Amino acid sequence: GSLVVNYPFDDAAQGIAIYSKSPDDAVFQQLALSYSKENAKMYQGSPCKDMYPTEYFPHGITNGAQWYNVPGGMQDWNYLNTNCFEVTIELGCVKYPKAEELPKYWEQNRRSLLQFMKQV
């Protein structure tokens, strides 16, 4: 897990971790930032220092392929084949949080979700 909003493309032609710009890159960045700006921990860019000390996401967002290359990912497929503007929102450093921690996740992301919906 991590705490970041990842946007297309997730796959780079070279098959390596490198920025892979989509034709709608500016729109995807706006969508990603609309979410991350409302989550202070995400927006700081280094939310999982204990687990990933070198990981840094400026303003809490990243181009998927720049983070790590994922050939055949769903958000790229949806974008290219259905014109669906999809982002992947990683909600926390722990992939499987305990049930009693879920209200905390809601509070950390409630404003982000509302801001994200306003982008429509």
N, C-alpha and C. Protein backbone atom coordinates (compact mmCIF):
# COMPACT_ATOMS: atom_id res chain seq x y z
N GLY A 1 0.80 -1.19 0.00
CA GLY A 1 0.00 0.00 0.00
C GLY A 1 0.85 1.26 0.00
N SER A 2 0.19 2.36 -0.26
CA SER A 2 0.81 3.66 -0.20
C SER A 2 -0.30 4.68 -0.02
N LEU A 3 0.04 5.93 -0.05
CA LEU A 3 -0.94 7.00 0.09
C LEU A 3 -0.67 8.00 -1.02
N VAL A 4 -1.33 7.78 -2.16
CA VAL A 4 -1.04 8.54 -3.38
C VAL A 4 -2.19 8.38 -4.37
N VAL A 5 -2.33 9.35 -5.27
CA VAL A 5 -3.25 9.21 -6.40
C VAL A 5 -2.39 9.03 -7.64
N ASN A 6 -2.62 7.93 -8.31
CA ASN A 6 -1.84 7.54 -9.49
C ASN A 6 -2.73 7.70 -10.72
N TYR A 7 -2.19 8.29 -11.78
CA TYR A 7 -2.97 8.56 -12.99
C TYR A 7 -2.25 8.01 -14.23
N PRO A 8 -3.02 7.79 -15.34
CA PRO A 8 -2.44 7.22 -16.56
C PRO A 8 -1.35 8.08 -17.19
N PHE A 9 -0.53 7.42 -17.91
CA PHE A 9 -0.50 6.01 -18.21
C PHE A 9 0.29 5.24 -17.15
N ASP A 10 -0.10 3.97 -16.97
CA ASP A 10 0.61 3.07 -16.07
C ASP A 10 1.69 2.28 -16.80
N ASP A 11 1.63 2.30 -18.11
CA ASP A 11 2.54 1.50 -18.93
C ASP A 11 3.37 2.44 -19.81
N ALA A 12 4.65 2.16 -19.89
CA ALA A 12 5.54 2.92 -20.78
C ALA A 12 6.01 2.01 -21.90
N ALA A 13 6.16 2.55 -23.08
CA ALA A 13 6.58 1.75 -24.24
C ALA A 13 7.91 1.05 -23.99
N GLN A 14 8.77 1.69 -23.20
CA GLN A 14 10.09 1.11 -22.91
C GLN A 14 10.02 -0.02 -21.89
N GLY A 15 8.87 -0.16 -21.20
CA GLY A 15 8.71 -1.21 -20.20
C GLY A 15 9.48 -0.94 -18.92
N ILE A 16 9.82 0.31 -18.67
CA ILE A 16 10.55 0.67 -17.45
C ILE A 16 9.80 1.78 -16.72
N ALA A 17 10.21 2.07 -15.49
CA ALA A 17 9.60 3.14 -14.71
C ALA A 17 10.04 4.49 -15.26
N ILE A 18 9.19 5.08 -16.10
CA ILE A 18 9.47 6.37 -16.73
C ILE A 18 8.12 7.08 -16.96
N TYR A 19 8.11 8.41 -16.90
CA TYR A 19 6.87 9.16 -17.09
C TYR A 19 6.27 8.81 -18.45
N SER A 20 4.99 8.46 -18.42
CA SER A 20 4.29 8.07 -19.64
C SER A 20 3.05 8.96 -19.76
N LYS A 21 3.18 10.03 -20.50
CA LYS A 21 2.16 11.07 -20.60
C LYS A 21 1.00 10.66 -21.51
N SER A 22 -0.20 10.81 -21.01
CA SER A 22 -1.38 10.57 -21.84
C SER A 22 -1.77 11.87 -22.53
N PRO A 23 -2.60 11.81 -23.56
CA PRO A 23 -3.05 13.03 -24.21
C PRO A 23 -3.80 13.99 -23.27
N ASP A 24 -4.39 13.44 -22.21
CA ASP A 24 -5.14 14.24 -21.25
C ASP A 24 -4.39 14.39 -19.92
N ASP A 25 -3.08 14.43 -20.00
CA ASP A 25 -2.24 14.47 -18.81
C ASP A 25 -2.62 15.61 -17.84
N ALA A 26 -2.86 16.80 -18.36
CA ALA A 26 -3.19 17.94 -17.50
C ALA A 26 -4.50 17.71 -16.75
N VAL A 27 -5.47 17.11 -17.41
CA VAL A 27 -6.76 16.82 -16.77
C VAL A 27 -6.56 15.78 -15.67
N PHE A 28 -5.79 14.75 -15.97
CA PHE A 28 -5.53 13.72 -14.96
C PHE A 28 -4.80 14.30 -13.75
N GLN A 29 -3.85 15.19 -13.98
CA GLN A 29 -3.16 15.82 -12.86
C GLN A 29 -4.13 16.65 -12.03
N GLN A 30 -5.02 17.38 -12.69
CA GLN A 30 -6.01 18.18 -11.97
C GLN A 30 -6.91 17.29 -11.11
N LEU A 31 -7.37 16.19 -11.67
CA LEU A 31 -8.22 15.26 -10.92
C LEU A 31 -7.48 14.69 -9.71
N ALA A 32 -6.24 14.26 -9.94
CA ALA A 32 -5.44 13.69 -8.86
C ALA A 32 -5.19 14.72 -7.76
N LEU A 33 -4.84 15.93 -8.15
CA LEU A 33 -4.58 16.99 -7.16
C LEU A 33 -5.84 17.38 -6.40
N SER A 34 -6.98 17.35 -7.05
CA SER A 34 -8.22 17.69 -6.36
C SER A 34 -8.44 16.75 -5.18
N TYR A 35 -8.04 15.52 -5.33
CA TYR A 35 -8.16 14.54 -4.25
C TYR A 35 -7.07 14.74 -3.20
N SER A 36 -5.83 14.78 -3.63
CA SER A 36 -4.71 14.80 -2.68
C SER A 36 -4.65 16.07 -1.84
N LYS A 37 -5.05 17.20 -2.38
CA LYS A 37 -4.99 18.46 -1.64
C LYS A 37 -5.85 18.44 -0.38
N GLU A 38 -6.89 17.62 -0.37
CA GLU A 38 -7.79 17.55 0.78
C GLU A 38 -7.35 16.50 1.81
N ASN A 39 -6.26 15.82 1.54
CA ASN A 39 -5.73 14.82 2.47
C ASN A 39 -4.30 15.26 2.82
N ALA A 40 -4.15 15.91 3.97
CA ALA A 40 -2.87 16.53 4.34
C ALA A 40 -1.71 15.55 4.31
N LYS A 41 -1.92 14.37 4.82
CA LYS A 41 -0.83 13.38 4.85
C LYS A 41 -0.43 12.94 3.45
N MET A 42 -1.42 12.77 2.58
CA MET A 42 -1.15 12.38 1.20
C MET A 42 -0.41 13.51 0.48
N TYR A 43 -0.89 14.73 0.63
CA TYR A 43 -0.36 15.88 -0.10
C TYR A 43 1.10 16.16 0.24
N GLN A 44 1.53 15.80 1.46
CA GLN A 44 2.93 16.05 1.84
C GLN A 44 3.91 15.25 1.00
N GLY A 45 3.47 14.12 0.43
CA GLY A 45 4.30 13.39 -0.52
C GLY A 45 5.16 12.26 0.00
N SER A 46 5.36 12.17 1.30
CA SER A 46 6.17 11.09 1.89
C SER A 46 5.41 10.43 3.03
N PRO A 47 4.27 9.84 2.74
CA PRO A 47 3.41 9.34 3.81
C PRO A 47 3.85 8.03 4.48
N CYS A 48 4.67 7.26 3.82
CA CYS A 48 5.02 5.93 4.34
C CYS A 48 6.52 5.83 4.62
N LYS A 49 7.07 6.84 5.29
CA LYS A 49 8.51 6.91 5.52
C LYS A 49 9.07 5.69 6.23
N ASP A 50 8.31 5.14 7.16
CA ASP A 50 8.79 3.97 7.90
C ASP A 50 8.95 2.74 7.00
N MET A 51 8.04 2.59 6.07
CA MET A 51 8.05 1.43 5.19
C MET A 51 8.86 1.66 3.92
N TYR A 52 8.75 2.86 3.36
CA TYR A 52 9.41 3.20 2.09
C TYR A 52 10.13 4.55 2.25
N PRO A 53 11.28 4.55 2.88
CA PRO A 53 11.95 5.82 3.21
C PRO A 53 12.34 6.68 2.01
N THR A 54 12.52 6.10 0.84
CA THR A 54 12.94 6.89 -0.32
C THR A 54 11.77 7.27 -1.23
N GLU A 55 10.60 6.77 -0.93
CA GLU A 55 9.44 7.04 -1.78
C GLU A 55 8.94 8.47 -1.56
N TYR A 56 8.78 9.21 -2.66
CA TYR A 56 8.30 10.59 -2.57
C TYR A 56 7.40 10.87 -3.77
N PHE A 57 6.22 11.41 -3.49
CA PHE A 57 5.26 11.77 -4.53
C PHE A 57 4.97 13.26 -4.39
N PRO A 58 5.50 14.10 -5.25
CA PRO A 58 5.23 15.55 -5.16
C PRO A 58 3.72 15.82 -5.13
N HIS A 59 3.28 16.48 -4.10
CA HIS A 59 1.87 16.83 -3.89
C HIS A 59 0.95 15.62 -3.81
N GLY A 60 1.51 14.44 -3.52
CA GLY A 60 0.69 13.26 -3.31
C GLY A 60 0.12 12.62 -4.55
N ILE A 61 0.72 12.94 -5.72
CA ILE A 61 0.24 12.33 -6.96
C ILE A 61 1.43 11.77 -7.74
N THR A 62 1.13 10.83 -8.64
CA THR A 62 2.19 10.30 -9.50
C THR A 62 1.62 9.75 -10.79
N ASN A 63 2.39 9.87 -11.83
CA ASN A 63 2.09 9.18 -13.08
C ASN A 63 2.38 7.70 -12.81
N GLY A 64 1.44 6.84 -13.15
CA GLY A 64 1.58 5.43 -12.83
C GLY A 64 2.87 4.80 -13.31
N ALA A 65 3.20 5.00 -14.57
CA ALA A 65 4.41 4.38 -15.14
C ALA A 65 5.69 4.94 -14.53
N GLN A 66 5.64 6.18 -14.08
CA GLN A 66 6.83 6.75 -13.43
C GLN A 66 7.08 6.08 -12.08
N TRP A 67 6.00 5.68 -11.41
CA TRP A 67 6.12 5.00 -10.13
C TRP A 67 6.63 3.59 -10.36
N TYR A 68 5.87 2.80 -11.13
CA TYR A 68 6.31 1.49 -11.59
C TYR A 68 5.45 1.09 -12.79
N ASN A 69 6.06 0.43 -13.74
CA ASN A 69 5.43 0.07 -14.99
C ASN A 69 4.43 -1.08 -14.79
N VAL A 70 3.20 -0.90 -15.29
CA VAL A 70 2.17 -1.93 -15.20
C VAL A 70 1.54 -2.12 -16.58
N PRO A 71 2.03 -3.06 -17.35
CA PRO A 71 1.42 -3.32 -18.66
C PRO A 71 0.03 -3.93 -18.52
N GLY A 72 -0.91 -3.41 -19.30
CA GLY A 72 -2.26 -3.99 -19.31
C GLY A 72 -3.12 -3.61 -18.12
N GLY A 73 -2.82 -2.51 -17.45
CA GLY A 73 -3.59 -2.09 -16.28
C GLY A 73 -4.99 -1.62 -16.65
N MET A 74 -5.89 -1.75 -15.69
CA MET A 74 -7.30 -1.42 -15.93
C MET A 74 -7.53 0.06 -16.21
N GLN A 75 -6.83 0.97 -15.49
CA GLN A 75 -7.11 2.38 -15.73
C GLN A 75 -6.66 2.80 -17.13
N ASP A 76 -5.58 2.24 -17.65
CA ASP A 76 -5.16 2.53 -19.02
C ASP A 76 -6.15 1.93 -20.02
N TRP A 77 -6.58 0.70 -19.77
CA TRP A 77 -7.52 0.05 -20.69
C TRP A 77 -8.81 0.86 -20.76
N ASN A 78 -9.35 1.24 -19.60
CA ASN A 78 -10.59 2.01 -19.58
C ASN A 78 -10.44 3.34 -20.29
N TYR A 79 -9.33 4.00 -20.10
CA TYR A 79 -9.08 5.29 -20.75
C TYR A 79 -9.02 5.13 -22.27
N LEU A 80 -8.26 4.17 -22.73
CA LEU A 80 -8.05 3.99 -24.17
C LEU A 80 -9.25 3.39 -24.90
N ASN A 81 -10.02 2.55 -24.22
CA ASN A 81 -11.09 1.83 -24.89
C ASN A 81 -12.49 2.35 -24.61
N THR A 82 -12.67 3.11 -23.54
CA THR A 82 -14.02 3.58 -23.20
C THR A 82 -14.06 5.08 -22.89
N ASN A 83 -12.92 5.77 -22.99
CA ASN A 83 -12.83 7.19 -22.66
C ASN A 83 -13.17 7.49 -21.21
N CYS A 84 -13.01 6.50 -20.35
CA CYS A 84 -13.24 6.67 -18.92
C CYS A 84 -11.96 7.24 -18.28
N PHE A 85 -12.08 8.36 -17.60
CA PHE A 85 -10.94 8.98 -16.94
C PHE A 85 -10.83 8.41 -15.53
N GLU A 86 -10.00 7.42 -15.39
CA GLU A 86 -9.87 6.67 -14.15
C GLU A 86 -8.51 6.95 -13.51
N VAL A 87 -8.52 7.11 -12.20
CA VAL A 87 -7.29 7.20 -11.42
C VAL A 87 -7.33 6.10 -10.37
N THR A 88 -6.17 5.77 -9.82
CA THR A 88 -6.08 4.80 -8.75
C THR A 88 -5.70 5.54 -7.48
N ILE A 89 -6.52 5.38 -6.46
CA ILE A 89 -6.28 6.05 -5.19
C ILE A 89 -5.82 5.02 -4.17
N GLU A 90 -4.57 5.15 -3.77
CA GLU A 90 -4.01 4.29 -2.72
C GLU A 90 -4.32 4.99 -1.40
N LEU A 91 -5.03 4.32 -0.49
CA LEU A 91 -5.54 4.96 0.71
C LEU A 91 -4.69 4.83 1.95
N GLY A 92 -3.64 4.05 1.91
CA GLY A 92 -2.83 3.92 3.11
C GLY A 92 -1.63 3.03 2.94
N CYS A 93 -0.71 3.19 3.85
CA CYS A 93 0.55 2.44 3.81
C CYS A 93 0.35 0.96 4.10
N VAL A 94 -0.74 0.63 4.79
CA VAL A 94 -1.05 -0.75 5.13
C VAL A 94 -2.15 -1.23 4.19
N LYS A 95 -1.87 -2.31 3.48
CA LYS A 95 -2.84 -2.81 2.49
C LYS A 95 -4.13 -3.32 3.12
N TYR A 96 -4.02 -3.95 4.26
CA TYR A 96 -5.18 -4.55 4.91
C TYR A 96 -5.32 -4.01 6.32
N PRO A 97 -5.90 -2.81 6.47
CA PRO A 97 -6.04 -2.23 7.81
C PRO A 97 -7.07 -3.01 8.64
N LYS A 98 -6.95 -2.89 9.94
CA LYS A 98 -7.90 -3.53 10.84
C LYS A 98 -9.24 -2.82 10.74
N ALA A 99 -10.31 -3.55 10.96
CA ALA A 99 -11.66 -3.00 10.84
C ALA A 99 -11.86 -1.78 11.73
N GLU A 100 -11.31 -1.80 12.93
CA GLU A 100 -11.50 -0.66 13.84
C GLU A 100 -10.79 0.61 13.37
N GLU A 101 -9.90 0.49 12.39
CA GLU A 101 -9.21 1.66 11.84
C GLU A 101 -9.97 2.31 10.67
N LEU A 102 -10.99 1.65 10.17
CA LEU A 102 -11.71 2.16 8.99
C LEU A 102 -12.36 3.52 9.21
N PRO A 103 -12.93 3.83 10.38
CA PRO A 103 -13.46 5.19 10.57
C PRO A 103 -12.39 6.28 10.41
N LYS A 104 -11.16 5.99 10.80
CA LYS A 104 -10.06 6.94 10.62
C LYS A 104 -9.80 7.17 9.13
N TYR A 105 -9.83 6.11 8.36
CA TYR A 105 -9.63 6.24 6.91
C TYR A 105 -10.75 7.09 6.30
N TRP A 106 -11.97 6.89 6.76
CA TRP A 106 -13.08 7.69 6.26
C TRP A 106 -12.84 9.16 6.55
N GLU A 107 -12.48 9.49 7.78
CA GLU A 107 -12.24 10.89 8.14
C GLU A 107 -11.09 11.51 7.34
N GLN A 108 -10.05 10.74 7.08
CA GLN A 108 -8.91 11.24 6.32
C GLN A 108 -9.24 11.47 4.84
N ASN A 109 -10.26 10.80 4.34
CA ASN A 109 -10.56 10.84 2.91
C ASN A 109 -11.92 11.41 2.55
N ARG A 110 -12.76 11.72 3.52
CA ARG A 110 -14.11 12.22 3.25
C ARG A 110 -14.07 13.50 2.41
N ARG A 111 -13.30 14.48 2.83
CA ARG A 111 -13.22 15.74 2.09
C ARG A 111 -12.61 15.54 0.70
N SER A 112 -11.64 14.64 0.61
CA SER A 112 -11.02 14.33 -0.68
C SER A 112 -12.05 13.76 -1.64
N LEU A 113 -12.86 12.83 -1.16
CA LEU A 113 -13.87 12.22 -2.00
C LEU A 113 -14.90 13.24 -2.48
N LEU A 114 -15.32 14.12 -1.60
CA LEU A 114 -16.29 15.15 -1.98
C LEU A 114 -15.69 16.09 -3.03
N GLN A 115 -14.43 16.50 -2.83
CA GLN A 115 -13.77 17.38 -3.79
C GLN A 115 -13.61 16.67 -5.14
N PHE A 116 -13.27 15.39 -5.09
CA PHE A 116 -13.11 14.60 -6.31
C PHE A 116 -14.43 14.54 -7.09
N MET A 117 -15.54 14.33 -6.38
CA MET A 117 -16.84 14.26 -7.05
C MET A 117 -17.21 15.60 -7.67
N LYS A 118 -16.80 16.68 -7.07
CA LYS A 118 -17.09 18.02 -7.61
C LYS A 118 -16.41 18.26 -8.96
N GLN A 119 -15.40 17.49 -9.29
CA GLN A 119 -14.68 17.68 -10.54
C GLN A 119 -15.53 17.30 -11.75
N VAL A 120 -16.58 16.55 -11.55
CA VAL A 120 -17.46 16.16 -12.65
C VAL A 120 -18.02 17.40 -13.31
